[in-house]
Amino acid sequence: MKGKEDLLISNDEIVFANDSDAEEGRGTMVMMKWEDDVMRLSAMWVAYNQGDVLEFGFGMGLSAGHIQSFKPKSHTIIEIHPEIAKIAQEWAKDKPGVKIINADWWDI
């Protein structure tokens, strides 16, 4: 993802809107709701000690929500896509210690 792609965002998935490689007219999937269990288990692994967490990509916020359940000392999320970063910033408004950076992780 380069941060400029058109996305289709729903409660169940995020897909690239204009994708010539897509099957059957659907865009390539970026994230799907069914990944929630994987994100929960990953969050258990990375946030169990309530330390500082650096997360690359917000997506649907699945892992971010699970990470927050462990009350980390800090939680920084680097999100390249401006539309998703805006959603992440809204999500983070009432979460102390959460910082959203709209940039490419490579540049940070």
C-alpha atoms as a PDB file:
ATOM      1  CA  MET A   1       0.000   0.000   0.000  1.00  0.00           C
ATOM      2  CA  LYS A   2       1.307   3.410  -0.940  1.00  0.00           C
ATOM      3  CA  GLY A   3      -1.342   5.424   0.884  1.00  0.00           C
ATOM      4  CA  LYS A   4      -3.039   6.777  -2.233  1.00  0.00           C
ATOM      5  CA  GLU A   5      -5.229   3.854  -3.218  1.00  0.00           C
ATOM      6  CA  ASP A   6      -9.007   4.115  -3.268  1.00  0.00           C
ATOM      7  CA  LEU A   7     -10.442   1.856  -0.604  1.00  0.00           C
ATOM      8  CA  LEU A   8     -13.849   0.321   0.002  1.00  0.00           C
ATOM      9  CA  ILE A   9     -14.373   0.219   3.753  1.00  0.00           C
ATOM     10  CA  SER A  10     -17.183  -1.677   5.453  1.00  0.00           C
ATOM     11  CA  ASN A  11     -17.734  -3.266   8.855  1.00  0.00           C
ATOM     12  CA  ASP A  12     -16.616  -6.602   7.409  1.00  0.00           C
ATOM     13  CA  GLU A  13     -13.622  -5.750   5.231  1.00  0.00           C
ATOM     14  CA  ILE A  14     -11.306  -3.249   3.607  1.00  0.00           C
ATOM     15  CA  VAL A  15     -10.517  -3.795  -0.069  1.00  0.00           C
ATOM     16  CA  PHE A  16      -8.715  -1.854  -2.781  1.00  0.00           C
ATOM     17  CA  ALA A  17     -11.468  -0.305  -4.902  1.00  0.00           C
ATOM     18  CA  ASN A  18      -9.658  -0.200  -8.247  1.00  0.00           C
ATOM     19  CA  ASP A  19      -7.556  -3.289  -8.597  1.00  0.00           C
ATOM     20  CA  SER A  20      -6.940  -4.946 -11.941  1.00  0.00           C
ATOM     21  CA  ASP A  21      -5.598  -8.073 -10.204  1.00  0.00           C
ATOM     22  CA  ALA A  22      -8.827  -8.639  -8.315  1.00  0.00           C
ATOM     23  CA  GLU A  23     -10.921 -11.744  -8.804  1.00  0.00           C
ATOM     24  CA  GLU A  24     -14.513 -11.503  -9.973  1.00  0.00           C
ATOM     25  CA  GLY A  25     -14.613  -7.709  -9.890  1.00  0.00           C
ATOM     26  CA  ARG A  26     -13.677  -7.427  -6.201  1.00  0.00           C
ATOM     27  CA  GLY A  27     -10.691  -5.441  -5.072  1.00  0.00           C
ATOM     28  CA  THR A  28      -7.786  -7.143  -3.378  1.00  0.00           C
ATOM     29  CA  MET A  29      -8.556  -7.590   0.285  1.00  0.00           C
ATOM     30  CA  VAL A  30      -6.558  -5.542   2.767  1.00  0.00           C
ATOM     31  CA  MET A  31      -8.192  -6.717   6.002  1.00  0.00           C
ATOM     32  CA  MET A  32     -11.213  -8.816   6.911  1.00  0.00           C
ATOM     33  CA  LYS A  33     -13.318  -9.062  10.071  1.00  0.00           C
ATOM     34  CA  TRP A  34     -12.690 -12.820  10.284  1.00  0.00           C
ATOM     35  CA  GLU A  35      -9.062 -12.000  11.194  1.00  0.00           C
ATOM     36  CA  ASP A  36     -10.196 -10.821  14.632  1.00  0.00           C
ATOM     37  CA  ASP A  37      -9.145 -14.007  16.460  1.00  0.00           C
ATOM     38  CA  VAL A  38      -5.644 -13.816  14.970  1.00  0.00           C
ATOM     39  CA  MET A  39      -5.393 -10.167  15.970  1.00  0.00           C
ATOM     40  CA  ARG A  40      -6.554 -10.973  19.518  1.00  0.00           C
ATOM     41  CA  LEU A  41      -3.913 -13.671  19.920  1.00  0.00           C
ATOM     42  CA  SER A  42      -1.233 -11.400  18.471  1.00  0.00           C
ATOM     43  CA  ALA A  43      -2.210  -8.628  20.884  1.00  0.00           C
ATOM     44  CA  MET A  44      -1.903 -11.045  23.794  1.00  0.00           C
ATOM     45  CA  TRP A  45       1.655 -11.761  22.719  1.00  0.00           C
ATOM     46  CA  VAL A  46       2.826  -8.180  22.153  1.00  0.00           C
ATOM     47  CA  ALA A  47       0.982  -6.330  24.922  1.00  0.00           C
ATOM     48  CA  TYR A  48       0.853  -8.739  27.859  1.00  0.00           C
ATOM     49  CA  ASN A  49       3.519  -6.810  29.834  1.00  0.00           C
ATOM     50  CA  GLN A  50       1.715  -3.460  29.442  1.00  0.00           C
ATOM     51  CA  GLY A  51       4.789  -1.799  27.932  1.00  0.00           C
ATOM     52  CA  ASP A  52       5.204   0.397  24.872  1.00  0.00           C
ATOM     53  CA  VAL A  53       3.656  -0.947  21.662  1.00  0.00           C
ATOM     54  CA  LEU A  54       4.497   0.108  18.103  1.00  0.00           C
ATOM     55  CA  GLU A  55       1.925  -1.030  15.555  1.00  0.00           C
ATOM     56  CA  PHE A  56       2.290  -0.770  11.789  1.00  0.00           C
ATOM     57  CA  GLY A  57      -1.087  -0.186  10.168  1.00  0.00           C
ATOM     58  CA  PHE A  58      -4.475   0.385  11.783  1.00  0.00           C
ATOM     59  CA  GLY A  59      -6.662  -1.379   9.223  1.00  0.00           C
ATOM     60  CA  MET A  60     -10.021  -2.035  10.839  1.00  0.00           C
ATOM     61  CA  GLY A  61      -8.610  -1.411  14.307  1.00  0.00           C
ATOM     62  CA  LEU A  62      -8.965  -5.053  15.319  1.00  0.00           C
ATOM     63  CA  SER A  63      -5.515  -5.530  16.824  1.00  0.00           C
ATOM     64  CA  ALA A  64      -5.451  -1.959  18.152  1.00  0.00           C
ATOM     65  CA  GLY A  65      -8.602  -2.627  20.148  1.00  0.00           C
ATOM     66  CA  HIS A  66      -7.207  -5.839  21.573  1.00  0.00           C
ATOM     67  CA  ILE A  67      -3.895  -4.160  22.404  1.00  0.00           C
ATOM     68  CA  GLN A  68      -5.792  -1.459  24.288  1.00  0.00           C
ATOM     69  CA  SER A  69      -7.493  -4.103  26.419  1.00  0.00           C
ATOM     70  CA  PHE A  70      -4.060  -4.742  27.991  1.00  0.00           C
ATOM     71  CA  LYS A  71      -3.686  -1.036  28.896  1.00  0.00           C
ATOM     72  CA  PRO A  72      -0.213  -0.531  27.425  1.00  0.00           C
ATOM     73  CA  LYS A  73       2.050   2.248  28.691  1.00  0.00           C
ATOM     74  CA  SER A  74       1.970   3.741  25.194  1.00  0.00           C
ATOM     75  CA  HIS A  75       0.621   2.649  21.821  1.00  0.00           C
ATOM     76  CA  THR A  76       1.922   4.237  18.629  1.00  0.00           C
ATOM     77  CA  ILE A  77       0.280   3.326  15.323  1.00  0.00           C
ATOM     78  CA  ILE A  78       1.855   4.249  11.997  1.00  0.00           C
ATOM     79  CA  GLU A  79      -0.790   4.244   9.245  1.00  0.00           C
ATOM     80  CA  ILE A  80       0.100   5.136   5.670  1.00  0.00           C
ATOM     81  CA  HIS A  81      -3.371   5.619   4.186  1.00  0.00           C
ATOM     82  CA  PRO A  82      -4.858   9.054   5.027  1.00  0.00           C
ATOM     83  CA  GLU A  83      -8.449   7.777   5.063  1.00  0.00           C
ATOM     84  CA  ILE A  84      -7.606   4.980   7.505  1.00  0.00           C
ATOM     85  CA  ALA A  85      -5.412   7.341   9.566  1.00  0.00           C
ATOM     86  CA  LYS A  86      -8.395   9.676   9.963  1.00  0.00           C
ATOM     87  CA  ILE A  87     -10.509   6.772  11.236  1.00  0.00           C
ATOM     88  CA  ALA A  88      -7.677   5.774  13.590  1.00  0.00           C
ATOM     89  CA  GLN A  89      -7.364   9.326  14.948  1.00  0.00           C
ATOM     90  CA  GLU A  90     -11.087   9.395  15.692  1.00  0.00           C
ATOM     91  CA  TRP A  91     -10.810   5.990  17.402  1.00  0.00           C
ATOM     92  CA  ALA A  92      -7.857   7.194  19.508  1.00  0.00           C
ATOM     93  CA  LYS A  93      -9.505  10.384  20.818  1.00  0.00           C
ATOM     94  CA  ASP A  94     -10.512   8.874  24.160  1.00  0.00           C
ATOM     95  CA  LYS A  95      -7.505   6.573  24.558  1.00  0.00           C
ATOM     96  CA  PRO A  96      -4.654   8.077  26.573  1.00  0.00           C
ATOM     97  CA  GLY A  97      -1.196   7.070  25.431  1.00  0.00           C
ATOM     98  CA  VAL A  98      -2.271   6.360  21.846  1.00  0.00           C
ATOM     99  CA  LYS A  99      -0.472   8.246  19.090  1.00  0.00           C
ATOM    100  CA  ILE A 100      -1.450   7.978  15.419  1.00  0.00           C
ATOM    101  CA  ILE A 101       1.159   8.882  12.813  1.00  0.00           C
ATOM    102  CA  ASN A 102      -0.021   9.252   9.204  1.00  0.00           C
ATOM    103  CA  ALA A 103       3.118   8.273   7.293  1.00  0.00           C
ATOM    104  CA  ASP A 104       4.963   5.394   5.701  1.00  0.00           C
ATOM    105  CA  TRP A 105       6.770   3.390   8.395  1.00  0.00           C
ATOM    106  CA  TRP A 106       9.852   3.461   6.210  1.00  0.00           C
ATOM    107  CA  ASP A 107      10.062   7.248   6.528  1.00  0.00           C
ATOM    108  CA  ILE A 108       9.625   7.186  10.299  1.00  0.00           C
END
